[in-house]
C-alpha atoms as a PDB file:
ATOM      1  CA  MET A   1      82.940 108.195 119.516  1.00  0.00           C
ATOM      2  CA  SER A   2      85.185 105.361 118.375  1.00  0.00           C
ATOM      3  CA  THR A   3      88.580 106.082 116.898  1.00  0.00           C
ATOM      4  CA  LEU A   4      88.226 102.916 114.816  1.00  0.00           C
ATOM      5  CA  LYS A   5      86.872 102.829 111.270  1.00  0.00           C
ATOM      6  CA  SER A   6      85.357  99.682 109.749  1.00  0.00           C
ATOM      7  CA  ARG A   7      85.988  98.623 106.167  1.00  0.00           C
ATOM      8  CA  ASN A   8      85.293  95.446 104.242  1.00  0.00           C
ATOM      9  CA  VAL A   9      88.112  93.588 102.498  1.00  0.00           C
ATOM     10  CA  LEU A  10      88.373  90.378 100.507  1.00  0.00           C
ATOM     11  CA  LEU A  11      90.864  87.734 101.638  1.00  0.00           C
ATOM     12  CA  ASP A  12      91.259  85.129  98.913  1.00  0.00           C
ATOM     13  CA  GLY A  13      87.743  86.024  97.777  1.00  0.00           C
ATOM     14  CA  ARG A  14      86.270  85.795 101.299  1.00  0.00           C
ATOM     15  CA  ARG A  15      84.711  89.011 102.592  1.00  0.00           C
ATOM     16  CA  THR A  16      85.633  90.146 106.080  1.00  0.00           C
ATOM     17  CA  SER A  17      85.319  93.356 108.065  1.00  0.00           C
ATOM     18  CA  LEU A  18      88.237  95.119 109.729  1.00  0.00           C
ATOM     19  CA  ARG A  19      88.195  97.822 112.382  1.00  0.00           C
ATOM     20  CA  LEU A  20      91.386  99.863 112.409  1.00  0.00           C
ATOM     21  CA  GLU A  21      92.459 103.342 113.391  1.00  0.00           C
ATOM     22  CA  ARG A  22      92.156 105.956 110.645  1.00  0.00           C
ATOM     23  CA  ALA A  23      95.939 106.429 110.671  1.00  0.00           C
ATOM     24  CA  VAL A  24      96.408 102.701 109.969  1.00  0.00           C
ATOM     25  CA  TRP A  25      93.921 102.850 107.062  1.00  0.00           C
ATOM     26  CA  ASP A  26      95.785 105.887 105.699  1.00  0.00           C
ATOM     27  CA  ALA A  27      99.102 104.036 106.004  1.00  0.00           C
ATOM     28  CA  LEU A  28      97.640 100.978 104.246  1.00  0.00           C
ATOM     29  CA  ASP A  29      96.352 103.167 101.416  1.00  0.00           C
ATOM     30  CA  GLU A  30      99.840 104.671 101.063  1.00  0.00           C
ATOM     31  CA  ILE A  31     101.449 101.206 101.026  1.00  0.00           C
ATOM     32  CA  CYS A  32      98.986 100.080  98.333  1.00  0.00           C
ATOM     33  CA  GLN A  33      99.851 103.073  96.191  1.00  0.00           C
ATOM     34  CA  ARG A  34     103.623 102.609  96.654  1.00  0.00           C
ATOM     35  CA  GLU A  35     103.506  98.873  95.948  1.00  0.00           C
ATOM     36  CA  GLY A  36     101.020  99.005  93.065  1.00  0.00           C
ATOM     37  CA  MET A  37      98.626  96.704  94.908  1.00  0.00           C
ATOM     38  CA  ASN A  38      95.047  97.085  96.031  1.00  0.00           C
ATOM     39  CA  LEU A  39      93.826  96.837  99.612  1.00  0.00           C
ATOM     40  CA  ASN A  40      92.531  93.293  99.168  1.00  0.00           C
ATOM     41  CA  GLN A  41      95.916  92.122  97.871  1.00  0.00           C
ATOM     42  CA  VAL A  42      97.833  93.677 100.760  1.00  0.00           C
ATOM     43  CA  CYS A  43      95.415  92.316 103.367  1.00  0.00           C
ATOM     44  CA  THR A  44      95.561  88.840 101.786  1.00  0.00           C
ATOM     45  CA  HIS A  45      99.368  88.996 101.915  1.00  0.00           C
ATOM     46  CA  VAL A  46      99.218  89.894 105.619  1.00  0.00           C
ATOM     47  CA  GLU A  47      96.658  87.151 106.287  1.00  0.00           C
ATOM     48  CA  ARG A  48      98.962  84.548 104.745  1.00  0.00           C
ATOM     49  CA  GLN A  49     102.073  85.755 106.608  1.00  0.00           C
ATOM     50  CA  ARG A  50     100.818  86.864 110.003  1.00  0.00           C
ATOM     51  CA  ALA A  51     101.784  85.307 113.306  1.00  0.00           C
ATOM     52  CA  GLU A  52      99.488  87.528 115.373  1.00  0.00           C
ATOM     53  CA  ARG A  53      96.211  86.214 116.704  1.00  0.00           C
ATOM     54  CA  SER A  54      93.964  88.631 114.808  1.00  0.00           C
ATOM     55  CA  LEU A  55      94.112  90.044 111.301  1.00  0.00           C
ATOM     56  CA  ALA A  56      93.792  93.590 112.661  1.00  0.00           C
ATOM     57  CA  ALA A  57      96.861  93.064 114.862  1.00  0.00           C
ATOM     58  CA  GLY A  58      98.697  91.503 111.930  1.00  0.00           C
ATOM     59  CA  ILE A  59      97.963  94.518 109.760  1.00  0.00           C
ATOM     60  CA  ARG A  60      99.134  96.938 112.450  1.00  0.00           C
ATOM     61  CA  VAL A  61     102.410  95.005 112.779  1.00  0.00           C
ATOM     62  CA  PHE A  62     102.802  94.848 108.978  1.00  0.00           C
ATOM     63  CA  VAL A  63     102.368  98.631 108.675  1.00  0.00           C
ATOM     64  CA  LEU A  64     104.849  99.215 111.494  1.00  0.00           C
ATOM     65  CA  HIS A  65     107.461  96.935 109.894  1.00  0.00           C
ATOM     66  CA  TYR A  66     106.909  98.445 106.446  1.00  0.00           C
ATOM     67  CA  PHE A  67     107.614 101.982 107.608  1.00  0.00           C
ATOM     68  CA  ARG A  68     110.401 100.948 110.010  1.00  0.00           C
ATOM     69  CA  GLU A  69     112.190  99.321 107.080  1.00  0.00           C
ATOM     70  CA  ALA A  70     111.805 102.543 105.115  1.00  0.00           C
ATOM     71  CA  ALA A  71     113.261 104.437 108.084  1.00  0.00           C
ATOM     72  CA  THR A  72     116.609 102.586 107.970  1.00  0.00           C
ATOM     73  CA  GLU A  73     119.637 104.410 106.591  1.00  0.00           C
ATOM     74  CA  ALA A  74     119.353 102.391 103.377  1.00  0.00           C
ATOM     75  CA  GLY A  75     115.657 103.254 103.134  1.00  0.00           C
ATOM     76  CA  HIS A  76     116.371 106.935 103.685  1.00  0.00           C
ATOM     77  CA  ALA A  77     119.167 106.902 101.099  1.00  0.00           C
ATOM     78  CA  ALA A  78     116.903 105.236  98.546  1.00  0.00           C
ATOM     79  CA  ALA A  79     114.303 107.954  99.206  1.00  0.00           C
ATOM     80  CA  GLY A  80     116.942 110.679  98.806  1.00  0.00           C
ATOM     81  CA  HIS A  81     117.129 111.804 102.422  1.00  0.00           C
ATOM     82  CA  GLY A  82     118.733 110.776 105.699  1.00  0.00           C
ATOM     83  CA  ALA A  83     122.346 110.716 106.844  1.00  0.00           C
ATOM     84  CA  ASN A  84     123.609 108.938 103.707  1.00  0.00           C
ATOM     85  CA  ALA A  85     122.027 111.320 101.233  1.00  0.00           C
ATOM     86  CA  GLY A  86     124.081 114.389 102.073  1.00  0.00           C
ATOM     87  CA  VAL A  87     122.920 117.952 102.644  1.00  0.00           C
ATOM     88  CA  ARG A  88     120.702 119.578 100.036  1.00  0.00           C
END
């Protein structure tokens, strides 16, 4: 049984299929909700910016960078937790 899940997305109006791990799809859905964008918009953004060979790899790297940025001290402080937020 594959750990990958396929979904269709539109990139600048062009339909394409992506196979990603369920955790990556979940992370993308969370990013869409946080950023007020839909899946097609986020994937199109990645398509336009990516340096990786495949779109799937580009999306994985995008998700990693997105959450790594949120994991910085500034990101934690903005979220109300981390070393800079103090003890609650």
